[in-house]
């Protein structure tokens, strides 16, 4: 019985490998020439615009590290 189970497991494994390696092509053959397409129409470049006004840099925010919070109870200790 154990031998049958092992053989069945090997056969099913090989079946899954073969199915995953198979082609999922919908076509009947790879000999057909690819369809030709026309080149897209050219368009004019957009007009240039003025650069946006500069803004003040944002205020730097305080960045905390893990060492800042160790032992102060904020980590649920």
N, C-alpha and C. Protein backbone atom coordinates (compact mmCIF):
# COMPACT_ATOMS: atom_id res chain seq x y z
N UNK A 1 0.82 -1.20 0.00
CA UNK A 1 0.00 0.00 0.00
C UNK A 1 0.87 1.27 0.00
N UNK A 2 1.96 1.24 0.77
CA UNK A 2 2.85 2.40 0.81
C UNK A 2 3.51 2.62 -0.54
N UNK A 3 3.84 1.53 -1.21
CA UNK A 3 4.48 1.65 -2.52
C UNK A 3 3.52 2.30 -3.52
N UNK A 4 2.25 1.91 -3.49
CA UNK A 4 1.25 2.49 -4.38
C UNK A 4 1.07 3.98 -4.10
N UNK A 5 1.10 4.36 -2.85
CA UNK A 5 0.97 5.77 -2.47
C UNK A 5 2.16 6.58 -2.98
N UNK A 6 3.35 6.02 -2.86
CA UNK A 6 4.55 6.72 -3.35
C UNK A 6 4.52 6.86 -4.87
N UNK A 7 4.15 5.79 -5.56
CA UNK A 7 4.08 5.85 -7.03
C UNK A 7 3.04 6.87 -7.46
N UNK A 8 1.90 6.88 -6.80
CA UNK A 8 0.85 7.84 -7.12
C UNK A 8 1.33 9.27 -6.86
N UNK A 9 2.05 9.48 -5.78
CA UNK A 9 2.56 10.82 -5.47
C UNK A 9 3.56 11.27 -6.53
N UNK A 10 4.44 10.38 -6.97
CA UNK A 10 5.42 10.72 -7.99
C UNK A 10 4.73 11.03 -9.31
N UNK A 11 3.75 10.22 -9.69
CA UNK A 11 3.03 10.44 -10.95
C UNK A 11 2.28 11.77 -10.91
N UNK A 12 1.62 12.07 -9.81
CA UNK A 12 0.90 13.33 -9.69
C UNK A 12 1.85 14.52 -9.71
N UNK A 13 3.01 14.39 -9.09
CA UNK A 13 4.00 15.46 -9.10
C UNK A 13 4.50 15.71 -10.51
N UNK A 14 4.84 14.64 -11.23
CA UNK A 14 5.30 14.79 -12.61
C UNK A 14 4.21 15.37 -13.50
N UNK A 15 2.96 15.01 -13.24
CA UNK A 15 1.85 15.57 -14.01
C UNK A 15 1.74 17.07 -13.79
N UNK A 16 1.89 17.51 -12.54
CA UNK A 16 1.82 18.94 -12.25
C UNK A 16 2.98 19.70 -12.89
N UNK A 17 4.17 19.11 -12.88
CA UNK A 17 5.34 19.75 -13.50
C UNK A 17 5.13 19.85 -15.01
N UNK A 18 4.65 18.77 -15.61
CA UNK A 18 4.42 18.79 -17.06
C UNK A 18 3.34 19.79 -17.43
N UNK A 19 2.31 19.91 -16.62
CA UNK A 19 1.23 20.87 -16.91
C UNK A 19 1.72 22.30 -16.77
N UNK A 20 2.59 22.55 -15.82
CA UNK A 20 3.07 23.92 -15.64
C UNK A 20 4.07 24.32 -16.71
N UNK A 21 4.75 23.35 -17.29
CA UNK A 21 5.72 23.64 -18.35
C UNK A 21 5.08 23.69 -19.73
N UNK A 22 3.84 23.31 -19.83
CA UNK A 22 3.16 23.28 -21.12
C UNK A 22 2.86 24.67 -21.62
N UNK A 23 2.62 24.77 -22.91
CA UNK A 23 2.30 26.05 -23.54
C UNK A 23 0.83 26.37 -23.33
N UNK A 24 0.54 27.64 -23.14
CA UNK A 24 -0.85 28.06 -23.04
C UNK A 24 -1.24 28.89 -24.24
N UNK A 25 -0.65 28.56 -25.41
CA UNK A 25 -0.98 29.22 -26.66
C UNK A 25 -2.41 28.88 -27.07
N UNK A 26 -3.14 29.87 -27.55
CA UNK A 26 -4.47 29.62 -28.08
C UNK A 26 -4.43 29.31 -29.56
N UNK A 27 -3.36 29.70 -30.23
CA UNK A 27 -3.24 29.51 -31.67
C UNK A 27 -2.93 28.07 -32.03
N UNK A 28 -3.12 27.73 -33.31
CA UNK A 28 -2.89 26.36 -33.74
C UNK A 28 -1.44 26.13 -34.14
N UNK A 29 -0.69 27.19 -34.41
CA UNK A 29 0.69 27.00 -34.82
C UNK A 29 1.46 28.29 -34.72
N UNK A 30 2.77 28.18 -34.73
CA UNK A 30 3.60 29.37 -34.62
C UNK A 30 4.14 29.81 -35.97
N UNK A 31 3.62 29.26 -37.08
CA UNK A 31 4.14 29.58 -38.40
C UNK A 31 3.50 30.83 -39.00
N UNK A 32 2.45 31.35 -38.41
CA UNK A 32 1.77 32.52 -38.97
C UNK A 32 2.64 33.76 -38.79
N UNK A 33 2.67 34.61 -39.81
CA UNK A 33 3.44 35.85 -39.76
C UNK A 33 2.71 36.84 -38.85
N UNK A 34 3.45 37.64 -38.11
CA UNK A 34 2.80 38.63 -37.25
C UNK A 34 2.09 39.69 -38.09
N UNK A 35 1.01 40.19 -37.56
CA UNK A 35 0.24 41.22 -38.26
C UNK A 35 1.04 42.52 -38.29
N UNK A 36 0.97 43.23 -39.40
CA UNK A 36 1.66 44.51 -39.49
C UNK A 36 0.73 45.61 -39.02
N UNK A 37 1.31 46.61 -38.42
CA UNK A 37 0.52 47.74 -37.94
C UNK A 37 1.11 49.01 -38.51
N UNK A 38 0.27 49.99 -38.66
CA UNK A 38 0.72 51.28 -39.18
C UNK A 38 1.41 52.06 -38.07
N UNK A 39 2.35 52.90 -38.45
CA UNK A 39 3.03 53.74 -37.47
C UNK A 39 2.06 54.77 -36.92
N UNK A 40 2.19 55.13 -35.66
CA UNK A 40 1.29 56.13 -35.09
C UNK A 40 1.52 57.50 -35.73
N UNK A 41 0.47 58.27 -35.77
CA UNK A 41 0.56 59.61 -36.35
C UNK A 41 1.43 60.49 -35.47
N UNK A 42 2.17 61.38 -36.09
CA UNK A 42 3.03 62.28 -35.32
C UNK A 42 2.19 63.43 -34.79
N UNK A 43 2.59 63.92 -33.65
CA UNK A 43 1.89 65.06 -33.05
C UNK A 43 2.90 66.15 -32.76
N UNK A 44 2.41 67.35 -32.68
CA UNK A 44 3.28 68.49 -32.39
C UNK A 44 3.63 68.50 -30.91
N UNK A 45 4.79 69.00 -30.59
CA UNK A 45 5.21 69.10 -29.19
C UNK A 45 4.37 70.16 -28.49
N UNK A 46 4.07 69.95 -27.21
CA UNK A 46 3.28 70.94 -26.49
C UNK A 46 4.06 72.24 -26.32
N UNK A 47 3.33 73.32 -26.19
CA UNK A 47 3.96 74.63 -26.00
C UNK A 47 4.67 74.65 -24.66
N UNK A 48 5.77 75.38 -24.60
CA UNK A 48 6.50 75.46 -23.34
C UNK A 48 5.77 76.39 -22.38
N UNK A 49 5.93 76.11 -21.12
CA UNK A 49 5.29 76.93 -20.10
C UNK A 49 6.36 77.49 -19.17
N UNK A 50 6.01 78.53 -18.47
CA UNK A 50 6.94 79.15 -17.53
C UNK A 50 7.10 78.25 -16.31
N UNK A 51 8.24 78.33 -15.69
CA UNK A 51 8.49 77.55 -14.48
C UNK A 51 7.59 78.04 -13.36
N UNK A 52 7.14 77.15 -12.50
CA UNK A 52 6.28 77.59 -11.39
C UNK A 52 7.07 78.45 -10.41
N UNK A 53 6.36 79.28 -9.69
CA UNK A 53 6.99 80.15 -8.70
C UNK A 53 7.60 79.30 -7.60
N UNK A 54 8.72 79.74 -7.08
CA UNK A 54 9.38 78.98 -6.02
C UNK A 54 8.64 79.18 -4.72
N UNK A 55 8.68 78.17 -3.89
CA UNK A 55 8.03 78.25 -2.58
C UNK A 55 9.09 78.03 -1.52
N UNK A 56 8.78 78.43 -0.32
CA UNK A 56 9.71 78.27 0.79
C UNK A 56 9.84 76.79 1.13
N UNK A 57 11.00 76.39 1.55
CA UNK A 57 11.23 75.00 1.93
C UNK A 57 10.43 74.69 3.18
N UNK A 58 9.89 73.49 3.28
CA UNK A 58 9.13 73.14 4.49
C UNK A 58 10.04 73.08 5.70
N UNK A 59 9.47 73.34 6.84
CA UNK A 59 10.24 73.32 8.08
C UNK A 59 10.70 71.89 8.35
N UNK A 60 11.93 71.71 8.79
CA UNK A 60 12.40 70.34 9.06
C UNK A 60 11.64 69.75 10.22
N UNK A 61 11.27 68.48 10.09
CA UNK A 61 10.56 67.86 11.19
C UNK A 61 11.52 67.02 12.01
N UNK A 62 11.17 66.87 13.27
CA UNK A 62 12.03 66.13 14.17
C UNK A 62 11.90 64.64 13.89
N UNK A 63 13.03 63.99 13.76
CA UNK A 63 13.03 62.56 13.49
C UNK A 63 13.53 61.84 14.73
N UNK A 64 12.72 60.91 15.21
CA UNK A 64 13.11 60.15 16.38
C UNK A 64 13.70 58.81 15.99
N UNK A 65 14.53 58.28 16.85
CA UNK A 65 15.12 56.96 16.62
C UNK A 65 14.60 56.00 17.68
N UNK A 66 14.89 54.74 17.50
CA UNK A 66 14.45 53.74 18.47
C UNK A 66 15.07 54.00 19.83
N UNK A 67 16.29 54.51 19.84
CA UNK A 67 16.97 54.78 21.11
C UNK A 67 16.25 55.87 21.89
N UNK A 68 15.56 56.76 21.21
CA UNK A 68 14.83 57.83 21.90
C UNK A 68 13.65 57.26 22.69
N UNK A 69 13.11 56.13 22.25
CA UNK A 69 11.89 55.60 22.85
C UNK A 69 12.13 54.41 23.76
N UNK A 70 13.33 53.89 23.78
CA UNK A 70 13.59 52.73 24.63
C UNK A 70 13.53 53.12 26.10
N UNK A 71 12.74 52.39 26.84
CA UNK A 71 12.68 52.60 28.28
C UNK A 71 11.74 53.69 28.72
N UNK A 72 11.09 54.41 27.81
CA UNK A 72 10.19 55.47 28.25
C UNK A 72 8.74 55.00 28.31
N UNK A 73 8.48 53.73 28.03
CA UNK A 73 7.14 53.18 28.13
C UNK A 73 6.30 53.33 26.89
N UNK A 74 6.82 53.98 25.86
CA UNK A 74 6.01 54.18 24.66
C UNK A 74 5.91 52.93 23.80
N UNK A 75 6.73 51.92 24.08
CA UNK A 75 6.67 50.69 23.32
C UNK A 75 5.88 49.61 24.04
N UNK A 76 5.09 49.98 25.03
CA UNK A 76 4.25 49.04 25.74
C UNK A 76 4.98 48.26 26.82
N UNK A 77 6.06 48.77 27.30
CA UNK A 77 6.83 48.07 28.33
C UNK A 77 6.36 48.46 29.69
